[in-house]
Amino acid sequence: MGKLLASPYQLIISGVQLAEMHDFLLVKRAQALQRFVPFVVTASASEKEGACRALKHGAFDLIPTPLDHEQTVNTIRLALWQNTFMELIARREKALEKYCRHFDAYSGAFHKALPPLLRTVSCFDQSIQAIEGSIKRLADLARIVEQDAQAGALKRLVALSKEPTDFQSKLAVRDRQSATSLLPGQDKPGPSAPTSAVA
């Protein structure tokens, strides 16, 4: 917990057992202290119920175990993209607030100013409204990305209990081939041609 206070993070990955301790205290504390940091849980087929609860408590996505390299990389990339996107939206909102406070502080002086300056202020107000609308659309997009990631995580949870992933299948095939090649009475395998079965 102390590490969350010590330095900012772009992504937090935790095993589901640690994440759900003390009623998901780690997830809640991460959201409170670093609200734009995606929280990703890792879970096996036997932990799917805990992973589902973690998603309901605000986890961004799921990495199933055993790990599938391509899927894991894609999950991490999306989580980091989301973190950067949320940070950019927050910076834009803060900048907009500063501009508005600055103009509000001198609104009395503007009303006494020359007409050209009043027209400038009017244009500024229109620009502010446009920026506010664009920020809202960006925030809506961020919510869609999060909902899509969580929906994908739930589908992977269902798949965990139904059938092995491609990566697990490849491992099983490799293990069977190794066991068959070393049966008594068979020659020991020599150097084999490189394959792409396991990354």
N, C-alpha and C. Protein backbone atom coordinates (compact mmCIF):
# COMPACT_ATOMS: atom_id res chain seq x y z
N MET A 1 0.83 -1.21 0.00
CA MET A 1 0.00 0.00 0.00
C MET A 1 0.87 1.27 0.00
N GLY A 2 1.96 1.20 0.76
CA GLY A 2 2.82 2.37 0.86
C GLY A 2 3.42 2.77 -0.47
N LYS A 3 3.63 1.80 -1.35
CA LYS A 3 4.22 2.10 -2.66
C LYS A 3 3.30 2.99 -3.50
N LEU A 4 2.00 2.87 -3.28
CA LEU A 4 1.06 3.71 -4.04
C LEU A 4 1.23 5.18 -3.69
N LEU A 5 1.67 5.46 -2.46
CA LEU A 5 1.91 6.84 -2.04
C LEU A 5 3.28 7.33 -2.45
N ALA A 6 4.23 6.39 -2.59
CA ALA A 6 5.62 6.77 -2.82
C ALA A 6 5.87 7.30 -4.22
N SER A 7 5.23 6.72 -5.22
CA SER A 7 5.51 7.13 -6.60
C SER A 7 4.32 6.82 -7.49
N PRO A 8 4.20 7.56 -8.60
CA PRO A 8 3.09 7.31 -9.53
C PRO A 8 3.35 6.06 -10.37
N TYR A 9 2.28 5.40 -10.76
CA TYR A 9 2.37 4.21 -11.60
C TYR A 9 1.54 4.41 -12.86
N GLN A 10 1.91 3.70 -13.92
CA GLN A 10 1.12 3.70 -15.15
C GLN A 10 0.20 2.49 -15.24
N LEU A 11 0.54 1.44 -14.48
CA LEU A 11 -0.22 0.20 -14.55
C LEU A 11 0.07 -0.62 -13.30
N ILE A 12 -0.97 -1.26 -12.76
CA ILE A 12 -0.81 -2.17 -11.62
C ILE A 12 -1.33 -3.54 -12.02
N ILE A 13 -0.48 -4.57 -11.87
CA ILE A 13 -0.87 -5.94 -12.15
C ILE A 13 -0.76 -6.73 -10.86
N SER A 14 -1.81 -7.45 -10.51
CA SER A 14 -1.84 -8.19 -9.25
C SER A 14 -2.54 -9.52 -9.44
N GLY A 15 -2.07 -10.52 -8.71
CA GLY A 15 -2.79 -11.78 -8.66
C GLY A 15 -4.15 -11.55 -8.02
N VAL A 16 -5.13 -12.31 -8.43
CA VAL A 16 -6.49 -12.06 -7.96
C VAL A 16 -6.62 -12.31 -6.45
N GLN A 17 -5.85 -13.26 -5.91
CA GLN A 17 -5.93 -13.54 -4.48
C GLN A 17 -5.50 -12.34 -3.65
N LEU A 18 -4.43 -11.67 -4.09
CA LEU A 18 -3.98 -10.46 -3.39
C LEU A 18 -4.99 -9.33 -3.59
N ALA A 19 -5.53 -9.23 -4.79
CA ALA A 19 -6.46 -8.14 -5.10
C ALA A 19 -7.73 -8.21 -4.25
N GLU A 20 -8.23 -9.43 -3.98
CA GLU A 20 -9.50 -9.54 -3.28
C GLU A 20 -9.36 -9.60 -1.75
N MET A 21 -8.14 -9.47 -1.24
CA MET A 21 -7.96 -9.45 0.22
C MET A 21 -8.62 -8.22 0.83
N HIS A 22 -9.22 -8.40 2.00
CA HIS A 22 -9.87 -7.31 2.74
C HIS A 22 -10.89 -6.58 1.87
N ASP A 23 -11.73 -7.37 1.19
CA ASP A 23 -12.80 -6.81 0.36
C ASP A 23 -12.26 -5.87 -0.71
N PHE A 24 -11.23 -6.35 -1.41
CA PHE A 24 -10.64 -5.62 -2.54
C PHE A 24 -10.07 -4.26 -2.11
N LEU A 25 -9.45 -4.25 -0.96
CA LEU A 25 -8.88 -3.00 -0.44
C LEU A 25 -7.80 -2.44 -1.35
N LEU A 26 -6.96 -3.33 -1.92
CA LEU A 26 -5.89 -2.87 -2.79
C LEU A 26 -6.44 -2.17 -4.03
N VAL A 27 -7.50 -2.74 -4.63
CA VAL A 27 -8.11 -2.12 -5.81
C VAL A 27 -8.70 -0.76 -5.44
N LYS A 28 -9.41 -0.70 -4.33
CA LYS A 28 -10.04 0.56 -3.91
C LYS A 28 -9.00 1.61 -3.58
N ARG A 29 -7.92 1.20 -2.88
CA ARG A 29 -6.88 2.16 -2.53
C ARG A 29 -6.17 2.69 -3.77
N ALA A 30 -5.92 1.80 -4.74
CA ALA A 30 -5.28 2.24 -5.98
C ALA A 30 -6.15 3.24 -6.71
N GLN A 31 -7.46 2.99 -6.75
CA GLN A 31 -8.37 3.90 -7.44
C GLN A 31 -8.44 5.25 -6.72
N ALA A 32 -8.32 5.23 -5.40
CA ALA A 32 -8.41 6.48 -4.64
C ALA A 32 -7.14 7.32 -4.77
N LEU A 33 -5.99 6.65 -4.76
CA LEU A 33 -4.72 7.38 -4.76
C LEU A 33 -4.22 7.69 -6.17
N GLN A 34 -4.48 6.80 -7.11
CA GLN A 34 -4.02 7.00 -8.48
C GLN A 34 -5.16 6.58 -9.42
N ARG A 35 -6.14 7.48 -9.53
CA ARG A 35 -7.42 7.10 -10.14
C ARG A 35 -7.35 6.79 -11.62
N PHE A 36 -6.27 7.18 -12.31
CA PHE A 36 -6.18 6.90 -13.74
C PHE A 36 -5.38 5.64 -14.04
N VAL A 37 -4.87 4.98 -13.01
CA VAL A 37 -4.01 3.81 -13.22
C VAL A 37 -4.87 2.55 -13.40
N PRO A 38 -4.80 1.89 -14.54
CA PRO A 38 -5.57 0.66 -14.73
C PRO A 38 -5.07 -0.45 -13.79
N PHE A 39 -6.01 -1.18 -13.22
CA PHE A 39 -5.69 -2.29 -12.33
C PHE A 39 -6.03 -3.59 -13.07
N VAL A 40 -5.02 -4.40 -13.34
CA VAL A 40 -5.21 -5.65 -14.09
C VAL A 40 -4.94 -6.82 -13.16
N VAL A 41 -5.81 -7.82 -13.17
CA VAL A 41 -5.63 -8.99 -12.33
C VAL A 41 -5.23 -10.19 -13.18
N THR A 42 -4.45 -11.09 -12.58
CA THR A 42 -4.13 -12.36 -13.20
C THR A 42 -4.91 -13.45 -12.48
N ALA A 43 -5.42 -14.42 -13.23
CA ALA A 43 -6.23 -15.47 -12.62
C ALA A 43 -6.21 -16.73 -13.47
N SER A 44 -6.27 -17.87 -12.79
CA SER A 44 -6.37 -19.16 -13.46
C SER A 44 -7.84 -19.57 -13.52
N ALA A 45 -8.09 -20.72 -14.12
CA ALA A 45 -9.47 -21.19 -14.25
C ALA A 45 -10.13 -21.40 -12.89
N SER A 46 -9.34 -21.84 -11.90
CA SER A 46 -9.90 -22.08 -10.57
C SER A 46 -10.19 -20.79 -9.81
N GLU A 47 -9.71 -19.67 -10.33
CA GLU A 47 -9.89 -18.38 -9.65
C GLU A 47 -10.86 -17.47 -10.39
N LYS A 48 -11.64 -18.03 -11.30
CA LYS A 48 -12.48 -17.18 -12.16
C LYS A 48 -13.54 -16.40 -11.38
N GLU A 49 -14.05 -16.96 -10.30
CA GLU A 49 -15.06 -16.25 -9.52
C GLU A 49 -14.45 -15.01 -8.85
N GLY A 50 -13.26 -15.17 -8.30
CA GLY A 50 -12.58 -14.02 -7.70
C GLY A 50 -12.24 -12.97 -8.74
N ALA A 51 -11.84 -13.41 -9.94
CA ALA A 51 -11.53 -12.47 -11.02
C ALA A 51 -12.78 -11.70 -11.44
N CYS A 52 -13.90 -12.39 -11.50
CA CYS A 52 -15.17 -11.74 -11.86
C CYS A 52 -15.52 -10.68 -10.82
N ARG A 53 -15.33 -10.99 -9.55
CA ARG A 53 -15.60 -10.01 -8.49
C ARG A 53 -14.66 -8.82 -8.60
N ALA A 54 -13.39 -9.08 -8.96
CA ALA A 54 -12.42 -7.98 -9.12
C ALA A 54 -12.85 -7.03 -10.23
N LEU A 55 -13.35 -7.57 -11.33
CA LEU A 55 -13.82 -6.72 -12.43
C LEU A 55 -15.01 -5.87 -11.98
N LYS A 56 -15.89 -6.45 -11.18
CA LYS A 56 -17.04 -5.70 -10.69
C LYS A 56 -16.61 -4.60 -9.71
N HIS A 57 -15.46 -4.79 -9.05
CA HIS A 57 -14.95 -3.77 -8.11
C HIS A 57 -14.06 -2.75 -8.80
N GLY A 58 -13.93 -2.83 -10.13
CA GLY A 58 -13.22 -1.78 -10.84
C GLY A 58 -11.93 -2.18 -11.50
N ALA A 59 -11.56 -3.47 -11.47
CA ALA A 59 -10.36 -3.89 -12.21
C ALA A 59 -10.59 -3.61 -13.70
N PHE A 60 -9.53 -3.19 -14.38
CA PHE A 60 -9.65 -2.80 -15.78
C PHE A 60 -9.72 -4.00 -16.72
N ASP A 61 -8.91 -5.02 -16.44
CA ASP A 61 -8.84 -6.15 -17.37
C ASP A 61 -8.28 -7.36 -16.65
N LEU A 62 -8.21 -8.47 -17.38
CA LEU A 62 -7.78 -9.75 -16.83
C LEU A 62 -6.69 -10.35 -17.71
N ILE A 63 -5.68 -10.95 -17.08
CA ILE A 63 -4.67 -11.75 -17.78
C ILE A 63 -4.83 -13.19 -17.29
N PRO A 64 -5.33 -14.10 -18.15
CA PRO A 64 -5.48 -15.49 -17.73
C PRO A 64 -4.13 -16.17 -17.58
N THR A 65 -4.06 -17.12 -16.67
CA THR A 65 -2.87 -17.96 -16.52
C THR A 65 -3.26 -19.42 -16.77
N PRO A 66 -2.37 -20.22 -17.41
CA PRO A 66 -1.04 -19.86 -17.89
C PRO A 66 -1.08 -18.75 -18.93
N LEU A 67 0.00 -18.00 -18.99
CA LEU A 67 0.02 -16.81 -19.84
C LEU A 67 0.08 -17.17 -21.32
N ASP A 68 -0.71 -16.46 -22.08
CA ASP A 68 -0.60 -16.45 -23.54
C ASP A 68 0.15 -15.17 -23.89
N HIS A 69 1.31 -15.31 -24.52
CA HIS A 69 2.19 -14.16 -24.73
C HIS A 69 1.50 -13.04 -25.48
N GLU A 70 0.89 -13.36 -26.61
CA GLU A 70 0.28 -12.31 -27.44
C GLU A 70 -0.87 -11.62 -26.71
N GLN A 71 -1.71 -12.40 -26.07
CA GLN A 71 -2.84 -11.82 -25.35
C GLN A 71 -2.38 -10.96 -24.18
N THR A 72 -1.34 -11.40 -23.48
CA THR A 72 -0.81 -10.64 -22.35
C THR A 72 -0.25 -9.30 -22.81
N VAL A 73 0.51 -9.33 -23.89
CA VAL A 73 1.09 -8.09 -24.43
C VAL A 73 -0.01 -7.13 -24.85
N ASN A 74 -1.05 -7.64 -25.52
CA ASN A 74 -2.15 -6.77 -25.96
C ASN A 74 -2.89 -6.15 -24.77
N THR A 75 -3.09 -6.94 -23.71
CA THR A 75 -3.77 -6.43 -22.51
C THR A 75 -2.96 -5.31 -21.87
N ILE A 76 -1.65 -5.51 -21.75
CA ILE A 76 -0.79 -4.49 -21.13
C ILE A 76 -0.74 -3.24 -21.99
N ARG A 77 -0.65 -3.41 -23.31
CA ARG A 77 -0.60 -2.24 -24.20
C ARG A 77 -1.88 -1.41 -24.08
N LEU A 78 -3.03 -2.09 -24.05
CA LEU A 78 -4.30 -1.37 -23.94
C LEU A 78 -4.39 -0.64 -22.60
N ALA A 79 -3.96 -1.28 -21.52
CA ALA A 79 -4.02 -0.66 -20.20
C ALA A 79 -3.13 0.58 -20.14
N LEU A 80 -1.93 0.50 -20.72
CA LEU A 80 -1.03 1.66 -20.74
C LEU A 80 -1.60 2.77 -21.62
N TRP A 81 -2.21 2.40 -22.75
CA TRP A 81 -2.84 3.40 -23.62
C TRP A 81 -3.95 4.12 -22.86
N GLN A 82 -4.76 3.35 -22.13
CA GLN A 82 -5.85 3.95 -21.36
C GLN A 82 -5.33 4.91 -20.30
N ASN A 83 -4.25 4.54 -19.64
CA ASN A 83 -3.66 5.41 -18.62
C ASN A 83 -3.22 6.74 -19.22
N THR A 84 -2.52 6.68 -20.35
CA THR A 84 -2.07 7.92 -21.01
C THR A 84 -3.27 8.75 -21.47
N PHE A 85 -4.27 8.09 -22.02
CA PHE A 85 -5.45 8.79 -22.52
C PHE A 85 -6.17 9.53 -21.39
N MET A 86 -6.34 8.87 -20.25
CA MET A 86 -7.02 9.49 -19.11
C MET A 86 -6.21 10.66 -18.55
N GLU A 87 -4.89 10.51 -18.53
CA GLU A 87 -4.04 11.60 -18.06
C GLU A 87 -4.16 12.82 -18.98
N LEU A 88 -4.21 12.59 -20.28
CA LEU A 88 -4.34 13.70 -21.22
C LEU A 88 -5.68 14.42 -21.05
N ILE A 89 -6.75 13.66 -20.85
CA ILE A 89 -8.06 14.27 -20.62
C ILE A 89 -8.03 15.11 -19.35
N ALA A 90 -7.42 14.57 -18.29
CA ALA A 90 -7.35 15.30 -17.02
C ALA A 90 -6.57 16.60 -17.16
N ARG A 91 -5.46 16.55 -17.90
CA ARG A 91 -4.66 17.78 -18.10
C ARG A 91 -5.47 18.83 -18.86
N ARG A 92 -6.22 18.38 -19.84
CA ARG A 92 -7.03 19.32 -20.63
C ARG A 92 -8.12 19.95 -19.75
N GLU A 93 -8.73 19.14 -18.88
CA GLU A 93 -9.76 19.66 -17.99
C GLU A 93 -9.16 20.68 -17.02
N LYS A 94 -7.97 20.38 -16.47
CA LYS A 94 -7.34 21.31 -15.54
C LYS A 94 -6.97 22.62 -16.24
N ALA A 95 -6.45 22.52 -17.46
CA ALA A 95 -6.09 23.73 -18.20
C ALA A 95 -7.33 24.57 -18.48
N LEU A 96 -8.43 23.92 -18.82
CA LEU A 96 -9.67 24.63 -19.09
C LEU A 96 -10.16 25.35 -17.83
N GLU A 97 -10.08 24.69 -16.68
CA GLU A 97 -10.49 25.31 -15.43
C GLU A 97 -9.65 26.55 -15.12
N LYS A 98 -8.35 26.47 -15.36
CA LYS A 98 -7.47 27.62 -15.12
C LYS A 98 -7.83 28.79 -16.02
N TYR A 99 -8.08 28.51 -17.30
CA TYR A 99 -8.48 29.57 -18.23
C TYR A 99 -9.77 30.23 -17.78
N CYS A 100 -10.73 29.41 -17.38
CA CYS A 100 -12.02 29.96 -16.96
C CYS A 100 -11.88 30.83 -15.71
N ARG A 101 -11.12 30.36 -14.73
CA ARG A 101 -10.91 31.16 -13.51
C ARG A 101 -10.20 32.47 -13.84
N HIS A 102 -9.25 32.42 -14.75
CA HIS A 102 -8.50 33.62 -15.13
C HIS A 102 -9.42 34.66 -15.77
N PHE A 103 -10.28 34.22 -16.66
CA PHE A 103 -11.19 35.17 -17.31
C PHE A 103 -12.28 35.65 -16.36
N ASP A 104 -12.76 34.76 -15.49
CA ASP A 104 -13.79 35.15 -14.54
C ASP A 104 -13.29 36.22 -13.58
N ALA A 105 -12.01 36.14 -13.23
CA ALA A 105 -11.43 37.10 -12.28
C ALA A 105 -11.43 38.52 -12.85
N TYR A 106 -11.44 38.63 -14.17
CA TYR A 106 -11.38 39.96 -14.79
C TYR A 106 -12.64 40.27 -15.60
N SER A 107 -13.72 39.56 -15.29
CA SER A 107 -14.93 39.77 -16.07
C SER A 107 -15.47 41.19 -15.93
N GLY A 108 -15.30 41.78 -14.74
CA GLY A 108 -15.77 43.15 -14.53
C GLY A 108 -15.04 44.13 -15.43
N ALA A 109 -13.73 43.95 -15.57
CA ALA A 109 -12.94 44.84 -16.43
C ALA A 109 -13.33 44.67 -17.88
N PHE A 110 -13.66 43.43 -18.30
CA PHE A 110 -14.02 43.20 -19.70
C PHE A 110 -15.31 43.91 -20.08
N HIS A 111 -16.24 43.99 -19.14
CA HIS A 111 -17.51 44.64 -19.45
C HIS A 111 -17.34 46.13 -19.71
N LYS A 112 -16.27 46.69 -19.21
CA LYS A 112 -16.01 48.12 -19.43
C LYS A 112 -15.05 48.33 -20.59
N ALA A 113 -14.64 47.24 -21.21
CA ALA A 113 -13.61 47.36 -22.25
C ALA A 113 -14.21 47.77 -23.59
N LEU A 114 -13.35 47.92 -24.55
CA LEU A 114 -13.77 48.30 -25.89
C LEU A 114 -14.50 47.13 -26.57
N PRO A 115 -15.40 47.43 -27.52
CA PRO A 115 -16.14 46.38 -28.22
C PRO A 115 -15.28 45.27 -28.83
N PRO A 116 -14.12 45.60 -29.43
CA PRO A 116 -13.30 44.50 -29.99
C PRO A 116 -12.92 43.47 -28.93
N LEU A 117 -12.61 43.95 -27.71
CA LEU A 117 -12.24 43.03 -26.65
C LEU A 117 -13.43 42.19 -26.21
N LEU A 118 -14.61 42.80 -26.20
CA LEU A 118 -15.82 42.06 -25.84
C LEU A 118 -16.10 40.95 -26.86
N ARG A 119 -15.84 41.24 -28.13
CA ARG A 119 -16.02 40.22 -29.16
C ARG A 119 -15.04 39.07 -28.96
N THR A 120 -13.83 39.42 -28.53
CA THR A 120 -12.82 38.38 -28.25
C THR A 120 -13.28 37.48 -27.12
N VAL A 121 -13.85 38.12 -26.06
CA VAL A 121 -14.36 37.33 -24.93
C VAL A 121 -15.50 36.44 -25.37
N SER A 122 -16.36 36.94 -26.25
CA SER A 122 -17.47 36.13 -26.75
C SER A 122 -16.96 34.92 -27.53
N CYS A 123 -15.95 35.16 -28.35
CA CYS A 123 -15.35 34.04 -29.10
C CYS A 123 -14.72 33.03 -28.15
N PHE A 124 -14.10 33.55 -27.08
CA PHE A 124 -13.50 32.66 -26.09
C PHE A 124 -14.56 31.77 -25.44
N ASP A 125 -15.71 32.37 -25.11
CA ASP A 125 -16.79 31.58 -24.51
C ASP A 125 -17.25 30.46 -25.44
N GLN A 126 -17.34 30.76 -26.72
CA GLN A 126 -17.74 29.74 -27.69
C GLN A 126 -16.68 28.64 -27.78
N SER A 127 -15.42 29.04 -27.72
CA SER A 127 -14.33 28.05 -27.77
C SER A 127 -14.36 27.16 -26.54
N ILE A 128 -14.65 27.78 -25.38
CA ILE A 128 -14.73 27.00 -24.14
C ILE A 128 -15.83 25.95 -24.24
N GLN A 129 -16.98 26.34 -24.78
CA GLN A 129 -18.08 25.39 -24.93
C GLN A 129 -17.70 24.24 -25.86
N ALA A 130 -16.97 24.56 -26.93
CA ALA A 130 -16.54 23.52 -27.86
C ALA A 130 -15.55 22.56 -27.19
N ILE A 131 -14.63 23.14 -26.40
CA ILE A 131 -13.64 22.30 -25.71
C ILE A 131 -14.32 21.41 -24.67
N GLU A 132 -15.28 21.97 -23.94
CA GLU A 132 -16.01 21.18 -22.96
C GLU A 132 -16.72 20.00 -23.62
N GLY A 133 -17.30 20.27 -24.81
CA GLY A 133 -17.96 19.20 -25.54
C GLY A 133 -16.98 18.13 -25.99
N SER A 134 -15.80 18.55 -26.45
CA SER A 134 -14.81 17.57 -26.90
C SER A 134 -14.27 16.76 -25.74
N ILE A 135 -14.10 17.39 -24.58
CA ILE A 135 -13.63 16.65 -23.39
C ILE A 135 -14.66 15.61 -22.98
N LYS A 136 -15.92 15.98 -23.04
CA LYS A 136 -16.98 15.02 -22.70
C LYS A 136 -16.95 13.83 -23.65
N ARG A 137 -16.75 14.10 -24.95
CA ARG A 137 -16.70 13.00 -25.91
C ARG A 137 -15.49 12.12 -25.66
N LEU A 138 -14.35 12.73 -25.30
CA LEU A 138 -13.16 11.94 -24.99
C LEU A 138 -13.39 11.07 -23.76
N ALA A 139 -14.04 11.65 -22.73
CA ALA A 139 -14.33 10.89 -21.52
C ALA A 139 -15.28 9.73 -21.83
N ASP A 140 -16.25 9.98 -22.71
CA ASP A 140 -17.17 8.91 -23.13
C ASP A 140 -16.40 7.78 -23.82
N LEU A 141 -15.43 8.16 -24.66
CA LEU A 141 -14.62 7.16 -25.35
C LEU A 141 -13.81 6.34 -24.35
N ALA A 142 -13.25 7.02 -23.34
CA ALA A 142 -12.48 6.31 -22.32
C ALA A 142 -13.34 5.29 -21.58
N ARG A 143 -14.60 5.66 -21.30
CA ARG A 143 -15.51 4.72 -20.63
C ARG A 143 -15.83 3.53 -21.54
N ILE A 144 -15.97 3.79 -22.84
CA ILE A 144 -16.24 2.71 -23.79
C ILE A 144 -15.07 1.74 -23.84
N VAL A 145 -13.85 2.28 -23.85
CA VAL A 145 -12.65 1.44 -23.87
C VAL A 145 -12.62 0.54 -22.62
N GLU A 146 -12.91 1.13 -21.46
CA GLU A 146 -12.90 0.37 -20.21
C GLU A 146 -13.98 -0.71 -20.22
N GLN A 147 -15.18 -0.36 -20.67
CA GLN A 147 -16.26 -1.34 -20.72
C GLN A 147 -15.93 -2.47 -21.68
N ASP A 148 -15.30 -2.13 -22.81
CA ASP A 148 -14.93 -3.14 -23.79
C ASP A 148 -13.86 -4.08 -23.23
N ALA A 149 -12.89 -3.51 -22.50
CA ALA A 149 -11.84 -4.33 -21.88
C ALA A 149 -12.44 -5.28 -20.86
N GLN A 150 -13.36 -4.78 -20.04
CA GLN A 150 -13.98 -5.63 -19.02
C GLN A 150 -14.86 -6.71 -19.66
N ALA A 151 -15.56 -6.38 -20.74
CA ALA A 151 -16.38 -7.37 -21.44
C ALA A 151 -15.49 -8.47 -22.02
N GLY A 152 -14.35 -8.07 -22.59
CA GLY A 152 -13.40 -9.06 -23.11
C GLY A 152 -12.85 -9.94 -22.01
N ALA A 153 -12.60 -9.35 -20.84
CA ALA A 153 -12.09 -10.11 -19.70
C ALA A 153 -13.11 -11.15 -19.25
N LEU A 154 -14.39 -10.77 -19.22
CA LEU A 154 -15.43 -11.71 -18.82
C LEU A 154 -15.54 -12.87 -19.81
N LYS A 155 -15.37 -12.59 -21.10
CA LYS A 155 -15.39 -13.66 -22.10
C LYS A 155 -14.22 -14.61 -21.89
N ARG A 156 -13.05 -14.06 -21.54
CA ARG A 156 -11.90 -14.93 -21.30
C ARG A 156 -12.11 -15.78 -20.04
N LEU A 157 -12.83 -15.23 -19.06
CA LEU A 157 -13.14 -16.01 -17.86
C LEU A 157 -14.01 -17.22 -18.21
N VAL A 158 -15.00 -16.99 -19.07
CA VAL A 158 -15.87 -18.09 -19.50
C VAL A 158 -15.05 -19.13 -20.26
N ALA A 159 -14.15 -18.66 -21.12
CA ALA A 159 -13.33 -19.57 -21.92
C ALA A 159 -12.38 -20.40 -21.05
N LEU A 160 -11.96 -19.84 -19.92
CA LEU A 160 -11.05 -20.55 -19.04
C LEU A 160 -11.64 -21.88 -18.56
N SER A 161 -12.92 -21.88 -18.30
CA SER A 161 -13.55 -23.08 -17.76
C SER A 161 -14.03 -24.05 -18.84
N LYS A 162 -14.08 -23.61 -20.08
CA LYS A 162 -14.62 -24.44 -21.16
C LYS A 162 -13.54 -25.25 -21.87
N GLU A 163 -12.49 -24.58 -22.32
CA GLU A 163 -11.48 -25.28 -23.09
C GLU A 163 -10.15 -24.56 -22.94
N PRO A 164 -9.04 -25.28 -23.15
CA PRO A 164 -7.73 -24.65 -23.01
C PRO A 164 -7.49 -23.62 -24.08
N THR A 165 -6.67 -22.65 -23.78
CA THR A 165 -6.30 -21.64 -24.77
C THR A 165 -5.39 -22.26 -25.81
N ASP A 166 -5.16 -21.57 -26.92
CA ASP A 166 -4.25 -22.06 -27.96
C ASP A 166 -2.88 -22.32 -27.36
N PHE A 167 -2.46 -21.44 -26.48
CA PHE A 167 -1.14 -21.58 -25.87
C PHE A 167 -1.07 -22.85 -25.03
N GLN A 168 -2.13 -23.12 -24.24
CA GLN A 168 -2.17 -24.33 -23.44
C GLN A 168 -2.18 -25.57 -24.34
N SER A 169 -2.90 -25.51 -25.45
CA SER A 169 -2.96 -26.63 -26.38
C SER A 169 -1.58 -26.92 -26.96
N LYS A 170 -0.86 -25.85 -27.30
CA LYS A 170 0.49 -26.02 -27.84
C LYS A 170 1.42 -26.68 -26.83
N LEU A 171 1.27 -26.26 -25.56
CA LEU A 171 2.09 -26.87 -24.52
C LEU A 171 1.76 -28.35 -24.37
N ALA A 172 0.48 -28.69 -24.42
CA ALA A 172 0.06 -30.09 -24.27
C ALA A 172 0.61 -30.93 -25.42
N VAL A 173 0.54 -30.41 -26.65
CA VAL A 173 1.06 -31.12 -27.81
C VAL A 173 2.55 -31.34 -27.67
N ARG A 174 3.26 -30.31 -27.24
CA ARG A 174 4.71 -30.42 -27.07
C ARG A 174 5.06 -31.48 -26.03
N ASP A 175 4.30 -31.49 -24.91
CA ASP A 175 4.57 -32.46 -23.86
C ASP A 175 4.31 -33.88 -24.34
N ARG A 176 3.22 -34.08 -25.11
CA ARG A 176 2.94 -35.41 -25.64
C ARG A 176 4.01 -35.88 -26.60
N GLN A 177 4.49 -34.96 -27.44
CA GLN A 177 5.54 -35.32 -28.39
C GLN A 177 6.82 -35.69 -27.67
N SER A 178 7.14 -34.94 -26.62
CA SER A 178 8.36 -35.24 -25.85
C SER A 178 8.25 -36.59 -25.18
N ALA A 179 7.08 -36.90 -24.61
CA ALA A 179 6.88 -38.18 -23.93
C ALA A 179 6.96 -39.33 -24.92
N THR A 180 6.36 -39.18 -26.11
CA THR A 180 6.36 -40.23 -27.12
C THR A 180 7.77 -40.49 -27.65
N SER A 181 8.54 -39.44 -27.84
CA SER A 181 9.87 -39.59 -28.42
C SER A 181 10.84 -40.27 -27.48
N LEU A 182 10.51 -40.33 -26.19
CA LEU A 182 11.42 -40.92 -25.21
C LEU A 182 10.93 -42.27 -24.70
N LEU A 183 9.95 -42.91 -25.40
CA LEU A 183 9.47 -44.22 -24.99
C LEU A 183 10.58 -45.26 -25.14
N PRO A 184 10.62 -46.30 -24.27
CA PRO A 184 11.65 -47.34 -24.37
C PRO A 184 11.64 -47.99 -25.76
N GLY A 185 12.83 -48.26 -26.27
CA GLY A 185 12.95 -48.92 -27.57
C GLY A 185 13.02 -47.97 -28.72
N GLN A 186 12.86 -46.67 -28.47
CA GLN A 186 12.95 -45.69 -29.55
C GLN A 186 14.25 -44.93 -29.43
N ASP A 187 14.73 -44.50 -30.57
CA ASP A 187 15.97 -43.72 -30.57
C ASP A 187 15.74 -42.40 -29.90
N LYS A 188 16.77 -41.88 -29.27
CA LYS A 188 16.69 -40.55 -28.69
C LYS A 188 16.57 -39.53 -29.80
N PRO A 189 15.79 -38.53 -29.61
CA PRO A 189 15.60 -37.53 -30.68
C PRO A 189 16.87 -36.74 -30.92
N GLY A 190 17.18 -36.54 -32.20
CA GLY A 190 18.31 -35.69 -32.52
C GLY A 190 17.87 -34.26 -32.62
N PRO A 191 18.75 -33.39 -33.08
CA PRO A 191 18.38 -31.97 -33.20
C PRO A 191 17.21 -31.82 -34.15
N SER A 192 16.21 -31.09 -33.72
CA SER A 192 15.01 -30.91 -34.53
C SER A 192 15.03 -29.55 -35.21
N ALA A 193 14.30 -29.49 -36.30
CA ALA A 193 14.19 -28.21 -37.01
C ALA A 193 13.41 -27.25 -36.17
N PRO A 194 13.75 -25.99 -36.21
CA PRO A 194 13.03 -25.01 -35.40
C PRO A 194 11.57 -24.94 -35.80
N THR A 195 10.71 -24.83 -34.80
CA THR A 195 9.28 -24.69 -35.04
C THR A 195 8.76 -23.47 -34.33
N SER A 196 7.52 -23.10 -34.63
CA SER A 196 6.90 -21.95 -33.98
C SER A 196 5.80 -22.39 -33.03
N ALA A 197 5.89 -23.63 -32.51
CA ALA A 197 4.81 -24.14 -31.64
C ALA A 197 4.72 -23.38 -30.36
N VAL A 198 5.85 -23.08 -29.76
CA VAL A 198 5.86 -22.36 -28.49
C VAL A 198 6.75 -21.15 -28.63
N ALA A 199 6.22 -19.99 -28.29
CA ALA A 199 7.00 -18.76 -28.44
C ALA A 199 8.08 -18.70 -27.38
